Amino acid sequence: MPGAGRPLAGSDDTRQVVARQRMRQIMDCPPGSHGVTVTTIVDRLARQQLNVSRNTVRNWLDEDIERGVAERVTIGFYRLRQAR
């Protein structure tokens, strides 16, 4: 499914970078928020013609959690890491 619709000019790498940046914007939840699910991320990206598979989003989330950029709030819910 990646690349379906392809409204953005440029390489697949460019589209992936844009989609990942947009994913992080979607995950920018206010303090106390429950976060967002993988399904929510995939659906919101698809509405913007940034079609990315659930597995790709999960991989990005795992990488961002490892880097300290994102956090798992509860099982299945994610958000950008917030200052403590």
N, C-alpha and C. Protein backbone atom coordinates (compact mmCIF):
# COMPACT_ATOMS: atom_id res chain seq x y z
N MET A 1 0.79 -1.20 0.00
CA MET A 1 0.00 0.00 0.00
C MET A 1 0.83 1.27 0.00
N PRO A 2 2.09 1.24 0.45
CA PRO A 2 2.84 2.47 0.41
C PRO A 2 2.88 3.01 -1.01
N GLY A 3 2.69 4.31 -1.11
CA GLY A 3 2.77 4.96 -2.40
C GLY A 3 1.45 5.03 -3.13
N ALA A 4 0.40 4.37 -2.63
CA ALA A 4 -0.90 4.43 -3.31
C ALA A 4 -1.40 5.87 -3.30
N GLY A 5 -1.86 6.34 -4.42
CA GLY A 5 -2.32 7.72 -4.51
C GLY A 5 -1.22 8.67 -4.91
N ARG A 6 -0.07 8.52 -4.34
CA ARG A 6 1.14 9.29 -4.63
C ARG A 6 0.91 10.75 -5.02
N PRO A 7 0.32 11.55 -4.13
CA PRO A 7 0.12 12.95 -4.47
C PRO A 7 1.39 13.78 -4.34
N LEU A 8 2.37 13.27 -3.60
CA LEU A 8 3.59 14.04 -3.39
C LEU A 8 4.59 13.73 -4.47
N ALA A 9 5.21 14.76 -4.99
CA ALA A 9 6.28 14.56 -5.96
C ALA A 9 7.51 14.09 -5.21
N GLY A 10 8.36 13.39 -5.91
CA GLY A 10 9.61 12.98 -5.29
C GLY A 10 9.70 11.49 -5.16
N SER A 11 10.78 11.05 -4.55
CA SER A 11 11.05 9.63 -4.42
C SER A 11 10.21 9.00 -3.31
N ASP A 12 10.20 7.67 -3.28
CA ASP A 12 9.52 6.97 -2.19
C ASP A 12 10.13 7.36 -0.85
N ASP A 13 11.46 7.57 -0.82
CA ASP A 13 12.11 7.98 0.42
C ASP A 13 11.56 9.30 0.92
N THR A 14 11.36 10.25 0.02
CA THR A 14 10.82 11.56 0.39
C THR A 14 9.41 11.40 0.96
N ARG A 15 8.59 10.58 0.33
CA ARG A 15 7.23 10.35 0.82
C ARG A 15 7.25 9.70 2.20
N GLN A 16 8.19 8.78 2.41
CA GLN A 16 8.30 8.13 3.71
C GLN A 16 8.70 9.12 4.80
N VAL A 17 9.62 10.02 4.48
CA VAL A 17 10.04 11.04 5.45
C VAL A 17 8.86 11.94 5.81
N VAL A 18 8.11 12.37 4.82
CA VAL A 18 6.95 13.24 5.05
C VAL A 18 5.92 12.50 5.90
N ALA A 19 5.66 11.23 5.58
CA ALA A 19 4.68 10.45 6.33
C ALA A 19 5.11 10.27 7.78
N ARG A 20 6.39 10.04 7.99
CA ARG A 20 6.89 9.84 9.36
C ARG A 20 6.80 11.14 10.17
N GLN A 21 7.13 12.25 9.54
CA GLN A 21 7.00 13.54 10.22
C GLN A 21 5.54 13.81 10.58
N ARG A 22 4.65 13.50 9.66
CA ARG A 22 3.22 13.70 9.91
C ARG A 22 2.74 12.77 11.02
N MET A 23 3.26 11.54 11.07
CA MET A 23 2.92 10.62 12.15
C MET A 23 3.26 11.24 13.50
N ARG A 24 4.43 11.85 13.58
CA ARG A 24 4.83 12.47 14.84
C ARG A 24 3.93 13.64 15.20
N GLN A 25 3.46 14.39 14.21
CA GLN A 25 2.50 15.46 14.49
C GLN A 25 1.20 14.90 15.04
N ILE A 26 0.76 13.79 14.47
CA ILE A 26 -0.47 13.14 14.94
C ILE A 26 -0.30 12.68 16.38
N MET A 27 0.89 12.25 16.74
CA MET A 27 1.17 11.74 18.08
C MET A 27 1.43 12.83 19.11
N ASP A 28 1.45 14.07 18.69
CA ASP A 28 1.73 15.18 19.60
C ASP A 28 0.48 15.50 20.40
N CYS A 29 0.25 14.72 21.44
CA CYS A 29 -0.96 14.81 22.25
C CYS A 29 -0.69 15.66 23.49
N PRO A 30 -1.73 16.30 24.02
CA PRO A 30 -1.55 17.09 25.24
C PRO A 30 -1.24 16.20 26.44
N PRO A 31 -0.59 16.76 27.45
CA PRO A 31 -0.29 15.98 28.66
C PRO A 31 -1.58 15.37 29.22
N GLY A 32 -1.47 14.15 29.70
CA GLY A 32 -2.63 13.46 30.25
C GLY A 32 -3.45 12.73 29.20
N SER A 33 -3.10 12.89 27.94
CA SER A 33 -3.82 12.23 26.86
C SER A 33 -3.53 10.74 26.86
N HIS A 34 -4.46 9.97 26.35
CA HIS A 34 -4.27 8.52 26.23
C HIS A 34 -3.38 8.17 25.05
N GLY A 35 -3.10 9.11 24.16
CA GLY A 35 -2.30 8.84 22.98
C GLY A 35 -3.16 8.38 21.82
N VAL A 36 -2.51 7.85 20.80
CA VAL A 36 -3.22 7.39 19.60
C VAL A 36 -2.81 5.97 19.27
N THR A 37 -3.65 5.28 18.55
CA THR A 37 -3.38 3.89 18.15
C THR A 37 -2.72 3.86 16.78
N VAL A 38 -2.17 2.71 16.44
CA VAL A 38 -1.59 2.52 15.11
C VAL A 38 -2.67 2.73 14.05
N THR A 39 -3.87 2.23 14.30
CA THR A 39 -4.98 2.40 13.35
C THR A 39 -5.30 3.86 13.13
N THR A 40 -5.32 4.65 14.19
CA THR A 40 -5.57 6.09 14.07
C THR A 40 -4.51 6.74 13.20
N ILE A 41 -3.26 6.41 13.43
CA ILE A 41 -2.16 6.98 12.66
C ILE A 41 -2.30 6.61 11.18
N VAL A 42 -2.51 5.32 10.90
CA VAL A 42 -2.63 4.86 9.51
C VAL A 42 -3.81 5.54 8.82
N ASP A 43 -4.95 5.62 9.51
CA ASP A 43 -6.14 6.25 8.92
C ASP A 43 -5.94 7.73 8.64
N ARG A 44 -5.34 8.44 9.57
CA ARG A 44 -5.12 9.88 9.35
C ARG A 44 -4.10 10.14 8.24
N LEU A 45 -3.08 9.31 8.16
CA LEU A 45 -2.12 9.45 7.07
C LEU A 45 -2.80 9.16 5.73
N ALA A 46 -3.63 8.14 5.68
CA ALA A 46 -4.32 7.78 4.44
C ALA A 46 -5.24 8.91 3.97
N ARG A 47 -5.89 9.60 4.90
CA ARG A 47 -6.75 10.74 4.52
C ARG A 47 -5.95 11.84 3.84
N GLN A 48 -4.65 11.87 4.09
CA GLN A 48 -3.79 12.88 3.48
C GLN A 48 -3.00 12.27 2.31
N GLN A 49 -3.48 11.14 1.80
CA GLN A 49 -2.82 10.41 0.72
C GLN A 49 -1.38 10.03 1.04
N LEU A 50 -1.11 9.80 2.31
CA LEU A 50 0.19 9.29 2.75
C LEU A 50 -0.05 7.86 3.22
N ASN A 51 -0.21 6.97 2.26
CA ASN A 51 -0.57 5.59 2.56
C ASN A 51 0.64 4.80 3.03
N VAL A 52 0.55 4.34 4.26
CA VAL A 52 1.64 3.61 4.90
C VAL A 52 1.02 2.39 5.57
N SER A 53 1.70 1.26 5.51
CA SER A 53 1.17 0.05 6.13
C SER A 53 1.25 0.11 7.65
N ARG A 54 0.41 -0.69 8.30
CA ARG A 54 0.43 -0.79 9.76
C ARG A 54 1.80 -1.26 10.24
N ASN A 55 2.40 -2.20 9.51
CA ASN A 55 3.72 -2.71 9.91
C ASN A 55 4.78 -1.61 9.86
N THR A 56 4.71 -0.76 8.85
CA THR A 56 5.66 0.35 8.76
C THR A 56 5.50 1.28 9.95
N VAL A 57 4.26 1.63 10.28
CA VAL A 57 4.01 2.51 11.43
C VAL A 57 4.52 1.85 12.71
N ARG A 58 4.27 0.57 12.88
CA ARG A 58 4.77 -0.13 14.07
C ARG A 58 6.30 -0.08 14.13
N ASN A 59 6.95 -0.29 12.99
CA ASN A 59 8.42 -0.21 12.96
C ASN A 59 8.90 1.18 13.34
N TRP A 60 8.26 2.21 12.78
CA TRP A 60 8.63 3.59 13.12
C TRP A 60 8.42 3.85 14.61
N LEU A 61 7.32 3.37 15.17
CA LEU A 61 7.06 3.57 16.60
C LEU A 61 8.12 2.88 17.43
N ASP A 62 8.47 1.64 17.09
CA ASP A 62 9.52 0.93 17.83
C ASP A 62 10.84 1.71 17.79
N GLU A 63 11.20 2.21 16.62
CA GLU A 63 12.45 2.99 16.48
C GLU A 63 12.37 4.27 17.30
N ASP A 64 11.23 4.97 17.23
CA ASP A 64 11.09 6.23 17.97
C ASP A 64 11.08 6.01 19.48
N ILE A 65 10.51 4.90 19.93
CA ILE A 65 10.53 4.58 21.36
C ILE A 65 11.97 4.31 21.79
N GLU A 66 12.70 3.55 20.99
CA GLU A 66 14.09 3.25 21.30
C GLU A 66 14.94 4.52 21.36
N ARG A 67 14.66 5.47 20.48
CA ARG A 67 15.41 6.74 20.45
C ARG A 67 14.94 7.73 21.51
N GLY A 68 13.84 7.43 22.20
CA GLY A 68 13.32 8.33 23.21
C GLY A 68 12.45 9.45 22.65
N VAL A 69 12.02 9.31 21.40
CA VAL A 69 11.19 10.33 20.75
C VAL A 69 9.72 10.10 21.09
N ALA A 70 9.32 8.82 21.21
CA ALA A 70 7.93 8.46 21.47
C ALA A 70 7.87 7.58 22.71
N GLU A 71 6.65 7.39 23.21
CA GLU A 71 6.45 6.51 24.34
C GLU A 71 5.13 5.77 24.20
N ARG A 72 5.09 4.58 24.77
CA ARG A 72 3.85 3.81 24.82
C ARG A 72 3.15 4.23 26.11
N VAL A 73 1.95 4.78 25.97
CA VAL A 73 1.20 5.25 27.14
C VAL A 73 0.59 4.05 27.85
N THR A 74 -0.14 3.26 27.13
CA THR A 74 -0.69 1.99 27.59
C THR A 74 -0.62 1.05 26.39
N ILE A 75 -1.03 -0.17 26.60
CA ILE A 75 -0.97 -1.14 25.50
C ILE A 75 -1.77 -0.62 24.32
N GLY A 76 -1.08 -0.45 23.18
CA GLY A 76 -1.72 -0.04 21.95
C GLY A 76 -1.87 1.46 21.74
N PHE A 77 -1.45 2.27 22.70
CA PHE A 77 -1.57 3.73 22.60
C PHE A 77 -0.20 4.38 22.72
N TYR A 78 0.07 5.31 21.81
CA TYR A 78 1.38 5.95 21.72
C TYR A 78 1.23 7.46 21.63
N ARG A 79 2.29 8.16 22.04
CA ARG A 79 2.36 9.62 21.87
C ARG A 79 3.83 10.02 21.87
N LEU A 80 4.06 11.26 21.47
CA LEU A 80 5.43 11.77 21.57
C LEU A 80 5.83 11.78 23.03
N ARG A 81 7.09 11.54 23.27
CA ARG A 81 7.58 11.55 24.65
C ARG A 81 7.44 12.95 25.23
N GLN A 82 6.97 13.01 26.43
CA GLN A 82 6.73 14.30 27.09
C GLN A 82 7.70 14.49 28.24
N ALA A 83 8.10 15.74 28.44
CA ALA A 83 9.03 16.07 29.53
C ALA A 83 8.40 15.67 30.86
N ARG A 84 9.21 15.16 31.71
CA ARG A 84 8.71 14.72 33.03
C ARG A 84 9.13 15.68 34.09
